[in-house]
Amino acid sequence: MLFLRISVSELRKILKQGNLNHIEITTKNYEFFGYQLLEFLLSTTTNNKIQPIIPEKTPDRIIRAKEVQNMTKLSRTTLWRLESKGEFPYRVSLGGNSVGWKLSEIKEWIDGR
């Protein structure tokens, strides 16, 4: 599990060192952050392996090309070719030359293979 883009073990090290003063979140990512925080707190405060209560529909997020490549094990060129044939989810423009994909669509595509 990633917590604010770092692993739980790295976060525990930071907490033990006392280097964590505050966490700042924006209105765009507070829901996703809340679910991650709940999962982290449940895993560290209970001895039981209690599954966090997360609504069926969690907020979707946009992932960048590197994460898509890691999930699909496909090169950027192969992703582009599949997308142009309509065989892969379409990218979302993030402004400028930045693009991303909806995580839910990538997961759905992987499950359908």
PDB file of N, CA and C in Angstrom:
ATOM      1  N   MET A   1       0.842  -1.179   0.000  1.00  0.00           N
ATOM      2  CA  MET A   1       0.000   0.000   0.000  1.00  0.00           C
ATOM      3  C   MET A   1       0.883   1.236   0.000  1.00  0.00           C
ATOM      4  N   LEU A   2       0.518   2.194  -0.790  1.00  0.00           N
ATOM      5  CA  LEU A   2       1.232   3.461  -0.798  1.00  0.00           C
ATOM      6  C   LEU A   2       0.449   4.477   0.002  1.00  0.00           C
ATOM      7  N   PHE A   3       1.131   5.243   0.791  1.00  0.00           N
ATOM      8  CA  PHE A   3       0.515   6.278   1.606  1.00  0.00           C
ATOM      9  C   PHE A   3       1.192   7.573   1.238  1.00  0.00           C
ATOM     10  N   LEU A   4       0.482   8.448   0.579  1.00  0.00           N
ATOM     11  CA  LEU A   4       1.061   9.703   0.105  1.00  0.00           C
ATOM     12  C   LEU A   4       2.293   9.455  -0.752  1.00  0.00           C
ATOM     13  N   ARG A   5       2.224   8.418  -1.551  1.00  0.00           N
ATOM     14  CA  ARG A   5       3.278   8.054  -2.490  1.00  0.00           C
ATOM     15  C   ARG A   5       4.552   7.541  -1.821  1.00  0.00           C
ATOM     16  N   ILE A   6       4.457   7.096  -0.568  1.00  0.00           N
ATOM     17  CA  ILE A   6       5.567   6.412   0.077  1.00  0.00           C
ATOM     18  C   ILE A   6       5.029   5.141   0.702  1.00  0.00           C
ATOM     19  N   SER A   7       5.893   4.178   0.934  1.00  0.00           N
ATOM     20  CA  SER A   7       5.441   2.920   1.512  1.00  0.00           C
ATOM     21  C   SER A   7       5.159   3.088   2.996  1.00  0.00           C
ATOM     22  N   VAL A   8       4.382   2.169   3.529  1.00  0.00           N
ATOM     23  CA  VAL A   8       4.034   2.206   4.944  1.00  0.00           C
ATOM     24  C   VAL A   8       5.284   2.090   5.808  1.00  0.00           C
ATOM     25  N   SER A   9       6.240   1.235   5.399  1.00  0.00           N
ATOM     26  CA  SER A   9       7.472   1.087   6.190  1.00  0.00           C
ATOM     27  C   SER A   9       8.268   2.394   6.235  1.00  0.00           C
ATOM     28  N   GLU A  10       8.311   3.123   5.123  1.00  0.00           N
ATOM     29  CA  GLU A  10       9.002   4.417   5.111  1.00  0.00           C
ATOM     30  C   GLU A  10       8.290   5.421   6.006  1.00  0.00           C
ATOM     31  N   LEU A  11       6.949   5.392   5.980  1.00  0.00           N
ATOM     32  CA  LEU A  11       6.175   6.292   6.830  1.00  0.00           C
ATOM     33  C   LEU A  11       6.417   5.990   8.303  1.00  0.00           C
ATOM     34  N   ARG A  12       6.484   4.709   8.657  1.00  0.00           N
ATOM     35  CA  ARG A  12       6.757   4.334  10.053  1.00  0.00           C
ATOM     36  C   ARG A  12       8.124   4.848  10.493  1.00  0.00           C
ATOM     37  N   LYS A  13       9.129   4.780   9.605  1.00  0.00           N
ATOM     38  CA  LYS A  13      10.463   5.303   9.936  1.00  0.00           C
ATOM     39  C   LYS A  13      10.404   6.805  10.221  1.00  0.00           C
ATOM     40  N   ILE A  14       9.673   7.519   9.377  1.00  0.00           N
ATOM     41  CA  ILE A  14       9.527   8.964   9.554  1.00  0.00           C
ATOM     42  C   ILE A  14       8.846   9.274  10.882  1.00  0.00           C
ATOM     43  N   LEU A  15       7.792   8.508  11.201  1.00  0.00           N
ATOM     44  CA  LEU A  15       7.077   8.723  12.458  1.00  0.00           C
ATOM     45  C   LEU A  15       7.987   8.470  13.661  1.00  0.00           C
ATOM     46  N   LYS A  16       8.802   7.392  13.603  1.00  0.00           N
ATOM     47  CA  LYS A  16       9.707   7.072  14.716  1.00  0.00           C
ATOM     48  C   LYS A  16      10.770   8.153  14.907  1.00  0.00           C
ATOM     49  N   GLN A  17      11.214   8.749  13.814  1.00  0.00           N
ATOM     50  CA  GLN A  17      12.234   9.794  13.883  1.00  0.00           C
ATOM     51  C   GLN A  17      11.653  11.123  14.354  1.00  0.00           C
ATOM     52  N   GLY A  18      10.340  11.225  14.353  1.00  0.00           N
ATOM     53  CA  GLY A  18       9.694  12.472  14.772  1.00  0.00           C
ATOM     54  C   GLY A  18       9.800  13.578  13.738  1.00  0.00           C
ATOM     55  N   ASN A  19       9.988  13.219  12.464  1.00  0.00           N
ATOM     56  CA  ASN A  19      10.152  14.208  11.404  1.00  0.00           C
ATOM     57  C   ASN A  19       8.847  14.595  10.720  1.00  0.00           C
ATOM     58  N   LEU A  20       7.718  14.076  11.203  1.00  0.00           N
ATOM     59  CA  LEU A  20       6.449  14.367  10.564  1.00  0.00           C
ATOM     60  C   LEU A  20       5.694  15.370  11.417  1.00  0.00           C
ATOM     61  N   ASN A  21       5.636  16.627  10.961  1.00  0.00           N
ATOM     62  CA  ASN A  21       4.972  17.691  11.705  1.00  0.00           C
ATOM     63  C   ASN A  21       3.518  17.850  11.303  1.00  0.00           C
ATOM     64  N   HIS A  22       3.245  17.793  10.018  1.00  0.00           N
ATOM     65  CA  HIS A  22       1.884  17.934   9.531  1.00  0.00           C
ATOM     66  C   HIS A  22       1.791  17.363   8.119  1.00  0.00           C
ATOM     67  N   ILE A  23       0.567  17.139   7.693  1.00  0.00           N
ATOM     68  CA  ILE A  23       0.292  16.665   6.340  1.00  0.00           C
ATOM     69  C   ILE A  23      -0.685  17.649   5.725  1.00  0.00           C
ATOM     70  N   GLU A  24      -0.359  18.164   4.556  1.00  0.00           N
ATOM     71  CA  GLU A  24      -1.232  19.116   3.883  1.00  0.00           C
ATOM     72  C   GLU A  24      -1.874  18.422   2.693  1.00  0.00           C
ATOM     73  N   ILE A  25      -3.198  18.548   2.590  1.00  0.00           N
ATOM     74  CA  ILE A  25      -3.913  17.967   1.460  1.00  0.00           C
ATOM     75  C   ILE A  25      -4.776  19.040   0.817  1.00  0.00           C
ATOM     76  N   THR A  26      -5.093  18.817  -0.448  1.00  0.00           N
ATOM     77  CA  THR A  26      -5.927  19.780  -1.172  1.00  0.00           C
ATOM     78  C   THR A  26      -7.352  19.258  -1.249  1.00  0.00           C
ATOM     79  N   THR A  27      -8.260  20.106  -1.654  1.00  0.00           N
ATOM     80  CA  THR A  27      -9.655  19.682  -1.778  1.00  0.00           C
ATOM     81  C   THR A  27      -9.828  18.656  -2.891  1.00  0.00           C
ATOM     82  N   LYS A  28      -8.898  18.586  -3.816  1.00  0.00           N
ATOM     83  CA  LYS A  28      -8.995  17.623  -4.911  1.00  0.00           C
ATOM     84  C   LYS A  28      -8.673  16.204  -4.454  1.00  0.00           C
ATOM     85  N   ASN A  29      -7.821  16.045  -3.426  1.00  0.00           N
ATOM     86  CA  ASN A  29      -7.403  14.698  -3.058  1.00  0.00           C
ATOM     87  C   ASN A  29      -7.773  14.294  -1.634  1.00  0.00           C
ATOM     88  N   TYR A  30      -8.622  15.065  -0.963  1.00  0.00           N
ATOM     89  CA  TYR A  30      -8.917  14.742   0.437  1.00  0.00           C
ATOM     90  C   TYR A  30      -9.685  13.437   0.590  1.00  0.00           C
ATOM     91  N   GLU A  31     -10.605  13.101  -0.342  1.00  0.00           N
ATOM     92  CA  GLU A  31     -11.355  11.860  -0.225  1.00  0.00           C
ATOM     93  C   GLU A  31     -10.439  10.655  -0.374  1.00  0.00           C
ATOM     94  N   PHE A  32      -9.584  10.667  -1.386  1.00  0.00           N
ATOM     95  CA  PHE A  32      -8.647   9.563  -1.611  1.00  0.00           C
ATOM     96  C   PHE A  32      -7.687   9.455  -0.433  1.00  0.00           C
ATOM     97  N   PHE A  33      -7.200  10.584   0.047  1.00  0.00           N
ATOM     98  CA  PHE A  33      -6.303  10.604   1.196  1.00  0.00           C
ATOM     99  C   PHE A  33      -6.995  10.016   2.422  1.00  0.00           C
ATOM    100  N   GLY A  34      -8.263  10.349   2.616  1.00  0.00           N
ATOM    101  CA  GLY A  34      -9.004   9.851   3.769  1.00  0.00           C
ATOM    102  C   GLY A  34      -9.094   8.337   3.793  1.00  0.00           C
ATOM    103  N   TYR A  35      -9.336   7.727   2.633  1.00  0.00           N
ATOM    104  CA  TYR A  35      -9.419   6.270   2.566  1.00  0.00           C
ATOM    105  C   TYR A  35      -8.055   5.639   2.863  1.00  0.00           C
ATOM    106  N   GLN A  36      -6.986   6.222   2.327  1.00  0.00           N
ATOM    107  CA  GLN A  36      -5.648   5.704   2.607  1.00  0.00           C
ATOM    108  C   GLN A  36      -5.315   5.845   4.088  1.00  0.00           C
ATOM    109  N   LEU A  37      -5.652   6.986   4.678  1.00  0.00           N
ATOM    110  CA  LEU A  37      -5.375   7.216   6.088  1.00  0.00           C
ATOM    111  C   LEU A  37      -6.138   6.223   6.955  1.00  0.00           C
ATOM    112  N   LEU A  38      -7.408   5.992   6.642  1.00  0.00           N
ATOM    113  CA  LEU A  38      -8.202   5.032   7.391  1.00  0.00           C
ATOM    114  C   LEU A  38      -7.579   3.644   7.329  1.00  0.00           C
ATOM    115  N   GLU A  39      -7.185   3.215   6.153  1.00  0.00           N
ATOM    116  CA  GLU A  39      -6.565   1.903   5.987  1.00  0.00           C
ATOM    117  C   GLU A  39      -5.270   1.815   6.776  1.00  0.00           C
ATOM    118  N   PHE A  40      -4.459   2.852   6.737  1.00  0.00           N
ATOM    119  CA  PHE A  40      -3.192   2.868   7.473  1.00  0.00           C
ATOM    120  C   PHE A  40      -3.438   2.801   8.968  1.00  0.00           C
ATOM    121  N   LEU A  41      -4.346   3.629   9.471  1.00  0.00           N
ATOM    122  CA  LEU A  41      -4.622   3.654  10.908  1.00  0.00           C
ATOM    123  C   LEU A  41      -5.164   2.320  11.398  1.00  0.00           C
ATOM    124  N   LEU A  42      -6.055   1.716  10.645  1.00  0.00           N
ATOM    125  CA  LEU A  42      -6.585   0.412  11.033  1.00  0.00           C
ATOM    126  C   LEU A  42      -5.494  -0.655  11.068  1.00  0.00           C
ATOM    127  N   SER A  43      -4.568  -0.594  10.124  1.00  0.00           N
ATOM    128  CA  SER A  43      -3.512  -1.607  10.086  1.00  0.00           C
ATOM    129  C   SER A  43      -2.499  -1.429  11.213  1.00  0.00           C
ATOM    130  N   THR A  44      -2.344  -0.218  11.726  1.00  0.00           N
ATOM    131  CA  THR A  44      -1.349   0.014  12.769  1.00  0.00           C
ATOM    132  C   THR A  44      -1.926  -0.002  14.176  1.00  0.00           C
ATOM    133  N   THR A  45      -3.240   0.164  14.320  1.00  0.00           N
ATOM    134  CA  THR A  45      -3.820   0.248  15.660  1.00  0.00           C
ATOM    135  C   THR A  45      -4.518  -1.023  16.101  1.00  0.00           C
ATOM    136  N   THR A  46      -4.681  -1.984  15.215  1.00  0.00           N
ATOM    137  CA  THR A  46      -5.351  -3.226  15.602  1.00  0.00           C
ATOM    138  C   THR A  46      -4.434  -4.409  15.372  1.00  0.00           C
ATOM    139  N   ASN A  47      -4.585  -5.401  16.221  1.00  0.00           N
ATOM    140  CA  ASN A  47      -3.828  -6.642  16.031  1.00  0.00           C
ATOM    141  C   ASN A  47      -4.521  -7.533  15.019  1.00  0.00           C
ATOM    142  N   ASN A  48      -5.812  -7.352  14.885  1.00  0.00           N
ATOM    143  CA  ASN A  48      -6.573  -8.144  13.920  1.00  0.00           C
ATOM    144  C   ASN A  48      -6.387  -7.562  12.531  1.00  0.00           C
ATOM    145  N   LYS A  49      -6.572  -8.399  11.563  1.00  0.00           N
ATOM    146  CA  LYS A  49      -6.499  -7.930  10.182  1.00  0.00           C
ATOM    147  C   LYS A  49      -7.899  -7.504   9.751  1.00  0.00           C
ATOM    148  N   ILE A  50      -8.348  -6.378  10.270  1.00  0.00           N
ATOM    149  CA  ILE A  50      -9.667  -5.848   9.949  1.00  0.00           C
ATOM    150  C   ILE A  50      -9.578  -5.114   8.624  1.00  0.00           C
ATOM    151  N   GLN A  51     -10.495  -5.425   7.749  1.00  0.00           N
ATOM    152  CA  GLN A  51     -10.547  -4.722   6.480  1.00  0.00           C
ATOM    153  C   GLN A  51     -11.199  -3.369   6.695  1.00  0.00           C
ATOM    154  N   PRO A  52     -10.621  -2.303   6.178  1.00  0.00           N
ATOM    155  CA  PRO A  52     -11.235  -0.986   6.336  1.00  0.00           C
ATOM    156  C   PRO A  52     -12.582  -0.932   5.631  1.00  0.00           C
ATOM    157  N   ILE A  53     -13.473  -0.149   6.189  1.00  0.00           N
ATOM    158  CA  ILE A  53     -14.782   0.035   5.586  1.00  0.00           C
ATOM    159  C   ILE A  53     -14.657   1.143   4.554  1.00  0.00           C
ATOM    160  N   ILE A  54     -14.720   0.753   3.298  1.00  0.00           N
ATOM    161  CA  ILE A  54     -14.580   1.707   2.202  1.00  0.00           C
ATOM    162  C   ILE A  54     -15.821   1.571   1.326  1.00  0.00           C
ATOM    163  N   PRO A  55     -16.449   2.669   0.995  1.00  0.00           N
ATOM    164  CA  PRO A  55     -17.628   2.592   0.138  1.00  0.00           C
ATOM    165  C   PRO A  55     -17.325   1.845  -1.156  1.00  0.00           C
ATOM    166  N   GLU A  56     -18.377   1.242  -1.725  1.00  0.00           N
ATOM    167  CA  GLU A  56     -18.185   0.479  -2.957  1.00  0.00           C
ATOM    168  C   GLU A  56     -17.544   1.316  -4.048  1.00  0.00           C
ATOM    169  N   LYS A  57     -17.937   2.555  -4.145  1.00  0.00           N
ATOM    170  CA  LYS A  57     -17.382   3.410  -5.192  1.00  0.00           C
ATOM    171  C   LYS A  57     -16.387   4.374  -4.558  1.00  0.00           C
ATOM    172  N   THR A  58     -15.104   4.034  -4.664  1.00  0.00           N
ATOM    173  CA  THR A  58     -14.069   4.929  -4.161  1.00  0.00           C
ATOM    174  C   THR A  58     -13.736   5.934  -5.252  1.00  0.00           C
ATOM    175  N   PRO A  59     -13.234   7.082  -4.879  1.00  0.00           N
ATOM    176  CA  PRO A  59     -12.930   8.085  -5.896  1.00  0.00           C
ATOM    177  C   PRO A  59     -11.887   7.572  -6.895  1.00  0.00           C
ATOM    178  N   ASP A  60     -12.152   7.855  -8.156  1.00  0.00           N
ATOM    179  CA  ASP A  60     -11.215   7.472  -9.206  1.00  0.00           C
ATOM    180  C   ASP A  60     -10.072   8.478  -9.211  1.00  0.00           C
ATOM    181  N   ARG A  61      -8.945   8.071  -9.749  1.00  0.00           N
ATOM    182  CA  ARG A  61      -7.832   8.994  -9.869  1.00  0.00           C
ATOM    183  C   ARG A  61      -7.170   8.806 -11.216  1.00  0.00           C
ATOM    184  N   ILE A  62      -6.423   9.805 -11.616  1.00  0.00           N
ATOM    185  CA  ILE A  62      -5.697   9.765 -12.878  1.00  0.00           C
ATOM    186  C   ILE A  62      -4.288   9.278 -12.588  1.00  0.00           C
ATOM    187  N   ILE A  63      -3.839   8.316 -13.389  1.00  0.00           N
ATOM    188  CA  ILE A  63      -2.477   7.812 -13.227  1.00  0.00           C
ATOM    189  C   ILE A  63      -1.668   8.169 -14.468  1.00  0.00           C
ATOM    190  N   ARG A  64      -0.384   8.347 -14.270  1.00  0.00           N
ATOM    191  CA  ARG A  64       0.502   8.753 -15.357  1.00  0.00           C
ATOM    192  C   ARG A  64       1.022   7.531 -16.110  1.00  0.00           C
ATOM    193  N   ALA A  65       1.713   7.781 -17.206  1.00  0.00           N
ATOM    194  CA  ALA A  65       2.173   6.726 -18.113  1.00  0.00           C
ATOM    195  C   ALA A  65       3.053   5.693 -17.420  1.00  0.00           C
ATOM    196  N   LYS A  66       3.945   6.134 -16.537  1.00  0.00           N
ATOM    197  CA  LYS A  66       4.862   5.200 -15.878  1.00  0.00           C
ATOM    198  C   LYS A  66       4.085   4.167 -15.052  1.00  0.00           C
ATOM    199  N   GLU A  67       3.073   4.637 -14.338  1.00  0.00           N
ATOM    200  CA  GLU A  67       2.264   3.722 -13.527  1.00  0.00           C
ATOM    201  C   GLU A  67       1.441   2.785 -14.412  1.00  0.00           C
ATOM    202  N   VAL A  68       0.930   3.300 -15.531  1.00  0.00           N
ATOM    203  CA  VAL A  68       0.189   2.461 -16.478  1.00  0.00           C
ATOM    204  C   VAL A  68       1.118   1.388 -17.036  1.00  0.00           C
ATOM    205  N   GLN A  69       2.334   1.764 -17.385  1.00  0.00           N
ATOM    206  CA  GLN A  69       3.304   0.809 -17.905  1.00  0.00           C
ATOM    207  C   GLN A  69       3.620  -0.261 -16.864  1.00  0.00           C
ATOM    208  N   ASN A  70       3.781   0.135 -15.615  1.00  0.00           N
ATOM    209  CA  ASN A  70       4.066  -0.837 -14.554  1.00  0.00           C
ATOM    210  C   ASN A  70       2.902  -1.798 -14.353  1.00  0.00           C
ATOM    211  N   MET A  71       1.683  -1.286 -14.433  1.00  0.00           N
ATOM    212  CA  MET A  71       0.505  -2.128 -14.221  1.00  0.00           C
ATOM    213  C   MET A  71       0.268  -3.091 -15.376  1.00  0.00           C
ATOM    214  N   THR A  72       0.472  -2.609 -16.603  1.00  0.00           N
ATOM    215  CA  THR A  72       0.145  -3.414 -17.785  1.00  0.00           C
ATOM    216  C   THR A  72       1.334  -4.193 -18.330  1.00  0.00           C
ATOM    217  N   LYS A  73       2.528  -3.791 -17.927  1.00  0.00           N
ATOM    218  CA  LYS A  73       3.778  -4.389 -18.449  1.00  0.00           C
ATOM    219  C   LYS A  73       3.918  -4.171 -19.952  1.00  0.00           C
ATOM    220  N   LEU A  74       3.374  -3.055 -20.446  1.00  0.00           N
ATOM    221  CA  LEU A  74       3.461  -2.696 -21.859  1.00  0.00           C
ATOM    222  C   LEU A  74       4.287  -1.428 -22.008  1.00  0.00           C
ATOM    223  N   SER A  75       4.947  -1.297 -23.159  1.00  0.00           N
ATOM    224  CA  SER A  75       5.729  -0.089 -23.421  1.00  0.00           C
ATOM    225  C   SER A  75       4.786   1.059 -23.770  1.00  0.00           C
ATOM    226  N   ARG A  76       5.329   2.259 -23.708  1.00  0.00           N
ATOM    227  CA  ARG A  76       4.538   3.446 -24.040  1.00  0.00           C
ATOM    228  C   ARG A  76       4.053   3.401 -25.491  1.00  0.00           C
ATOM    229  N   THR A  77       4.907   2.899 -26.379  1.00  0.00           N
ATOM    230  CA  THR A  77       4.541   2.787 -27.800  1.00  0.00           C
ATOM    231  C   THR A  77       3.405   1.792 -27.990  1.00  0.00           C
ATOM    232  N   THR A  78       3.477   0.657 -27.300  1.00  0.00           N
ATOM    233  CA  THR A  78       2.421  -0.351 -27.404  1.00  0.00           C
ATOM    234  C   THR A  78       1.106   0.200 -26.867  1.00  0.00           C
ATOM    235  N   LEU A  79       1.170   0.948 -25.777  1.00  0.00           N
ATOM    236  CA  LEU A  79      -0.040   1.576 -25.239  1.00  0.00           C
ATOM    237  C   LEU A  79      -0.663   2.499 -26.273  1.00  0.00           C
ATOM    238  N   TRP A  80       0.163   3.302 -26.924  1.00  0.00           N
ATOM    239  CA  TRP A  80      -0.318   4.241 -27.939  1.00  0.00           C
ATOM    240  C   TRP A  80      -0.959   3.487 -29.109  1.00  0.00           C
ATOM    241  N   ARG A  81      -0.298   2.418 -29.570  1.00  0.00           N
ATOM    242  CA  ARG A  81      -0.841   1.636 -30.690  1.00  0.00           C
ATOM    243  C   ARG A  81      -2.192   1.026 -30.342  1.00  0.00           C
ATOM    244  N   LEU A  82      -2.291   0.416 -29.140  1.00  0.00           N
ATOM    245  CA  LEU A  82      -3.555  -0.182 -28.719  1.00  0.00           C
ATOM    246  C   LEU A  82      -4.645   0.878 -28.572  1.00  0.00           C
ATOM    247  N   GLU A  83      -4.265   2.031 -28.048  1.00  0.00           N
ATOM    248  CA  GLU A  83      -5.221   3.120 -27.869  1.00  0.00           C
ATOM    249  C   GLU A  83      -5.730   3.626 -29.219  1.00  0.00           C
ATOM    250  N   SER A  84      -4.827   3.765 -30.192  1.00  0.00           N
ATOM    251  CA  SER A  84      -5.237   4.265 -31.511  1.00  0.00           C
ATOM    252  C   SER A  84      -6.137   3.268 -32.237  1.00  0.00           C
ATOM    253  N   LYS A  85      -6.040   1.964 -31.894  1.00  0.00           N
ATOM    254  CA  LYS A  85      -6.917   0.945 -32.476  1.00  0.00           C
ATOM    255  C   LYS A  85      -8.237   0.830 -31.708  1.00  0.00           C
ATOM    256  N   GLY A  86      -8.350   1.542 -30.593  1.00  0.00           N
ATOM    257  CA  GLY A  86      -9.548   1.452 -29.769  1.00  0.00           C
ATOM    258  C   GLY A  86      -9.550   0.242 -28.858  1.00  0.00           C
ATOM    259  N   GLU A  87      -8.376  -0.355 -28.646  1.00  0.00           N
ATOM    260  CA  GLU A  87      -8.267  -1.567 -27.834  1.00  0.00           C
ATOM    261  C   GLU A  87      -7.723  -1.287 -26.430  1.00  0.00           C
ATOM    262  N   PHE A  88      -7.584  -0.029 -26.090  1.00  0.00           N
ATOM    263  CA  PHE A  88      -7.062   0.367 -24.785  1.00  0.00           C
ATOM    264  C   PHE A  88      -7.764   1.662 -24.373  1.00  0.00           C
ATOM    265  N   PRO A  89      -7.977   1.874 -23.080  1.00  0.00           N
ATOM    266  CA  PRO A  89      -8.644   3.116 -22.646  1.00  0.00           C
ATOM    267  C   PRO A  89      -7.936   4.364 -23.170  1.00  0.00           C
ATOM    268  N   TYR A  90      -8.735   5.369 -23.479  1.00  0.00           N
ATOM    269  CA  TYR A  90      -8.184   6.609 -24.008  1.00  0.00           C
ATOM    270  C   TYR A  90      -7.591   7.469 -22.899  1.00  0.00           C
ATOM    271  N   ARG A  91      -6.512   8.133 -23.236  1.00  0.00           N
ATOM    272  CA  ARG A  91      -5.848   9.021 -22.278  1.00  0.00           C
ATOM    273  C   ARG A  91      -6.661  10.281 -22.046  1.00  0.00           C
ATOM    274  N   VAL A  92      -6.356  10.932 -20.930  1.00  0.00           N
ATOM    275  CA  VAL A  92      -7.008  12.174 -20.543  1.00  0.00           C
ATOM    276  C   VAL A  92      -5.957  13.269 -20.563  1.00  0.00           C
ATOM    277  N   SER A  93      -6.248  14.371 -21.213  1.00  0.00           N
ATOM    278  CA  SER A  93      -5.305  15.485 -21.256  1.00  0.00           C
ATOM    279  C   SER A  93      -5.287  16.190 -19.903  1.00  0.00           C
ATOM    280  N   LEU A  94      -4.090  16.435 -19.385  1.00  0.00           N
ATOM    281  CA  LEU A  94      -3.930  17.125 -18.108  1.00  0.00           C
ATOM    282  C   LEU A  94      -3.425  18.545 -18.309  1.00  0.00           C
ATOM    283  N   GLY A  95      -3.347  18.965 -19.549  1.00  0.00           N
ATOM    284  CA  GLY A  95      -2.853  20.302 -19.859  1.00  0.00           C
ATOM    285  C   GLY A  95      -1.427  20.245 -20.366  1.00  0.00           C
ATOM    286  N   GLY A  96      -1.111  21.104 -21.285  1.00  0.00           N
ATOM    287  CA  GLY A  96       0.232  21.092 -21.868  1.00  0.00           C
ATOM    288  C   GLY A  96       0.464  19.774 -22.582  1.00  0.00           C
ATOM    289  N   ASN A  97       1.607  19.167 -22.339  1.00  0.00           N
ATOM    290  CA  ASN A  97       1.912  17.867 -22.932  1.00  0.00           C
ATOM    291  C   ASN A  97       1.664  16.719 -21.962  1.00  0.00           C
ATOM    292  N   SER A  98       1.019  16.973 -20.847  1.00  0.00           N
ATOM    293  CA  SER A  98       0.785  15.947 -19.835  1.00  0.00           C
ATOM    294  C   SER A  98      -0.507  15.182 -20.106  1.00  0.00           C
ATOM    295  N   VAL A  99      -0.421  13.867 -19.957  1.00  0.00           N
ATOM    296  CA  VAL A  99      -1.596  13.018 -20.113  1.00  0.00           C
ATOM    297  C   VAL A  99      -1.620  11.995 -18.978  1.00  0.00           C
ATOM    298  N   GLY A 100      -2.772  11.399 -18.791  1.00  0.00           N
ATOM    299  CA  GLY A 100      -2.930  10.344 -17.800  1.00  0.00           C
ATOM    300  C   GLY A 100      -4.106   9.468 -18.195  1.00  0.00           C
ATOM    301  N   TRP A 101      -4.343   8.432 -17.417  1.00  0.00           N
ATOM    302  CA  TRP A 101      -5.446   7.520 -17.653  1.00  0.00           C
ATOM    303  C   TRP A 101      -6.227   7.352 -16.368  1.00  0.00           C
ATOM    304  N   LYS A 102      -7.527   7.063 -16.492  1.00  0.00           N
ATOM    305  CA  LYS A 102      -8.336   6.800 -15.314  1.00  0.00           C
ATOM    306  C   LYS A 102      -7.969   5.422 -14.774  1.00  0.00           C
ATOM    307  N   LEU A 103      -7.641   5.362 -13.502  1.00  0.00           N
ATOM    308  CA  LEU A 103      -7.241   4.116 -12.872  1.00  0.00           C
ATOM    309  C   LEU A 103      -8.317   3.051 -13.027  1.00  0.00           C
ATOM    310  N   SER A 104      -9.568   3.420 -12.857  1.00  0.00           N
ATOM    311  CA  SER A 104     -10.661   2.441 -12.956  1.00  0.00           C
ATOM    312  C   SER A 104     -10.713   1.803 -14.348  1.00  0.00           C
ATOM    313  N   GLU A 105     -10.465   2.602 -15.385  1.00  0.00           N
ATOM    314  CA  GLU A 105     -10.495   2.070 -16.748  1.00  0.00           C
ATOM    315  C   GLU A 105      -9.323   1.130 -17.003  1.00  0.00           C
ATOM    316  N   ILE A 106      -8.170   1.454 -16.438  1.00  0.00           N
ATOM    317  CA  ILE A 106      -6.991   0.585 -16.612  1.00  0.00           C
ATOM    318  C   ILE A 106      -7.225  -0.737 -15.894  1.00  0.00           C
ATOM    319  N   LYS A 107      -7.754  -0.683 -14.663  1.00  0.00           N
ATOM    320  CA  LYS A 107      -8.045  -1.915 -13.916  1.00  0.00           C
ATOM    321  C   LYS A 107      -9.064  -2.767 -14.665  1.00  0.00           C
ATOM    322  N   GLU A 108     -10.092  -2.129 -15.222  1.00  0.00           N
ATOM    323  CA  GLU A 108     -11.112  -2.840 -15.974  1.00  0.00           C
ATOM    324  C   GLU A 108     -10.508  -3.503 -17.208  1.00  0.00           C
ATOM    325  N   TRP A 109      -9.610  -2.799 -17.893  1.00  0.00           N
ATOM    326  CA  TRP A 109      -8.960  -3.343 -19.084  1.00  0.00           C
ATOM    327  C   TRP A 109      -8.108  -4.552 -18.705  1.00  0.00           C
ATOM    328  N   ILE A 110      -7.362  -4.448 -17.609  1.00  0.00           N
ATOM    329  CA  ILE A 110      -6.508  -5.558 -17.161  1.00  0.00           C
ATOM    330  C   ILE A 110      -7.368  -6.766 -16.802  1.00  0.00           C
ATOM    331  N   ASP A 111      -8.479  -6.527 -16.084  1.00  0.00           N
ATOM    332  CA  ASP A 111      -9.369  -7.636 -15.691  1.00  0.00           C
ATOM    333  C   ASP A 111     -10.000  -8.308 -16.903  1.00  0.00           C
ATOM    334  N   GLY A 112     -10.205  -7.543 -17.969  1.00  0.00           N
ATOM    335  CA  GLY A 112     -10.835  -8.082 -19.182  1.00  0.00           C
ATOM    336  C   GLY A 112      -9.898  -8.873 -20.080  1.00  0.00           C
ATOM    337  N   ARG A 113      -8.628  -8.848 -19.786  1.00  0.00           N
ATOM    338  CA  ARG A 113      -7.662  -9.565 -20.640  1.00  0.00           C
ATOM    339  C   ARG A 113      -7.594 -11.020 -20.290  1.00  0.00           C
TER     340      ARG A 113
END
